[in-house]
Protein backbone atom coordinates (compact mmCIF):
# COMPACT_ATOMS: atom_id res chain seq x y z
CA MET A 1 23.52 -5.47 19.41
CA THR A 2 19.92 -4.15 19.71
CA CYS A 3 17.03 -5.43 17.99
CA THR A 4 14.16 -2.98 17.40
CA ILE A 5 11.05 -4.60 16.39
CA ARG A 6 8.56 -1.96 14.86
CA GLU A 7 4.75 -2.47 15.27
CA PRO A 8 3.09 -3.10 12.16
CA GLN A 9 1.90 0.14 10.13
CA PRO A 10 -0.87 0.54 7.61
CA ALA A 11 0.38 0.26 3.86
CA TYR A 12 0.67 3.37 1.61
CA VAL A 13 -1.55 1.98 -1.45
CA GLU A 14 -1.58 4.22 -4.78
CA ILE A 15 -4.27 3.55 -7.54
CA LEU A 16 -3.40 5.65 -10.36
CA GLU A 17 -4.31 6.42 -13.82
CA PRO A 18 -1.26 7.74 -15.59
CA VAL A 19 -2.50 10.60 -18.00
CA LYS A 20 0.11 11.09 -20.72
CA GLY A 21 1.06 14.76 -21.68
CA ALA A 22 0.06 16.08 -18.18
CA GLU A 23 2.90 17.96 -16.60
CA THR A 24 1.19 18.48 -13.16
CA LEU A 25 -1.37 16.75 -10.96
CA GLU A 26 -4.01 19.62 -11.82
CA GLU A 27 -3.53 19.00 -15.53
CA ALA A 28 -3.97 15.25 -15.11
CA GLU A 29 -7.04 15.52 -13.03
CA ALA A 30 -8.66 17.83 -15.45
CA HIS A 31 -8.19 15.30 -18.33
CA LEU A 32 -9.82 12.53 -16.28
CA ASP A 33 -13.39 14.19 -16.29
CA GLY A 34 -13.89 12.84 -12.64
CA MET A 35 -13.31 9.13 -13.64
CA ILE A 36 -10.38 7.26 -12.81
CA VAL A 37 -9.53 3.92 -14.63
CA PRO A 38 -6.75 2.60 -12.62
CA ARG A 39 -3.90 1.10 -14.51
CA VAL A 40 -0.96 1.36 -11.94
CA VAL A 41 -1.25 0.09 -8.42
CA ARG A 42 1.72 0.60 -5.87
CA LEU A 43 2.13 -0.66 -2.38
CA ASN A 44 4.51 1.17 -0.35
CA GLY A 45 5.92 2.62 -3.48
CA ILE A 46 6.53 -0.72 -5.24
CA PRO A 47 4.45 -1.30 -8.41
CA LEU A 48 2.29 -4.32 -8.40
CA ARG A 49 0.72 -6.51 -11.16
CA VAL A 50 -2.92 -6.67 -10.87
CA PRO A 51 -4.73 -9.08 -13.21
CA ARG A 52 -6.82 -7.38 -15.80
CA GLY A 53 -10.80 -7.63 -15.25
CA HIS A 54 -10.27 -7.85 -11.34
CA ARG A 55 -11.87 -5.30 -9.10
CA ILE A 56 -10.18 -2.86 -6.62
CA GLU A 57 -12.46 -2.02 -3.87
CA VAL A 58 -11.83 0.76 -1.23
CA HIS A 59 -13.90 0.77 1.86
CA GLU A 60 -13.82 3.68 4.52
CA MET A 61 -13.15 2.75 8.03
CA ALA A 62 -12.57 4.82 11.38
CA VAL A 63 -10.03 3.16 13.86
CA ASP A 64 -9.48 4.94 17.09
CA GLY A 65 -10.30 8.35 15.62
CA GLU A 66 -7.71 7.74 12.68
CA ASP A 67 -9.01 7.65 9.20
CA VAL A 68 -7.85 4.73 7.31
CA LEU A 69 -9.18 2.62 4.48
CA LYS A 70 -9.57 -0.97 3.84
CA VAL A 71 -8.37 -1.94 0.10
CA THR A 72 -9.32 -5.30 -1.35
CA LEU A 73 -7.45 -6.06 -4.71
CA THR A 74 -6.12 -9.26 -6.31
CA LEU A 75 -2.39 -9.38 -6.94
CA PHE A 76 -0.18 -11.69 -8.93
CA ALA A 77 2.26 -13.13 -6.58
CA ARG A 78 5.54 -14.97 -7.36
CA ARG A 79 5.92 -16.47 -3.87
CA VAL A 80 3.50 -16.59 -0.86
CA VAL A 81 4.72 -17.60 2.38
CA VAL A 82 2.65 -18.62 5.49
CA GLY A 83 4.35 -19.56 8.51
CA ALA A 84 6.16 -18.94 11.66
CA GLU A 85 8.82 -15.98 12.16
CA ALA A 86 11.35 -15.86 15.03
CA LEU A 87 11.21 -12.75 17.02
CA PRO A 88 14.15 -12.83 19.60
CA GLU A 89 13.82 -10.89 22.77
CA PRO A 90 15.51 -7.73 22.44
CA GLU A 91 18.86 -7.40 24.52
CA PRO A 92 18.74 -5.28 27.57
CA GLU A 93 20.62 -2.04 27.07
CA ASP A 94 24.20 -1.70 28.77
CA ARG A 95 23.70 1.05 31.36
CA GLY A 96 27.30 0.85 32.64
């Protein structure tokens, strides 16, 4: 059995304000008048609970020519794990 270990990737973060009655993204943006009050936060497609009154900060960064952002936000967590993780060496491929 071959175990593939993937390199860490940047997260896909969505900070959104749902606009009731809007059928398209263009309609939603037209209703917002340039101001977004985020009410929905998703991390890699998973909705998260963010405490009311806590700021969401977005910071622009450049990393090796790639455009990325640093996002700072406070989340509710049911469980936080800080510890070691076993990463077994991948088995050599059978070339026979």
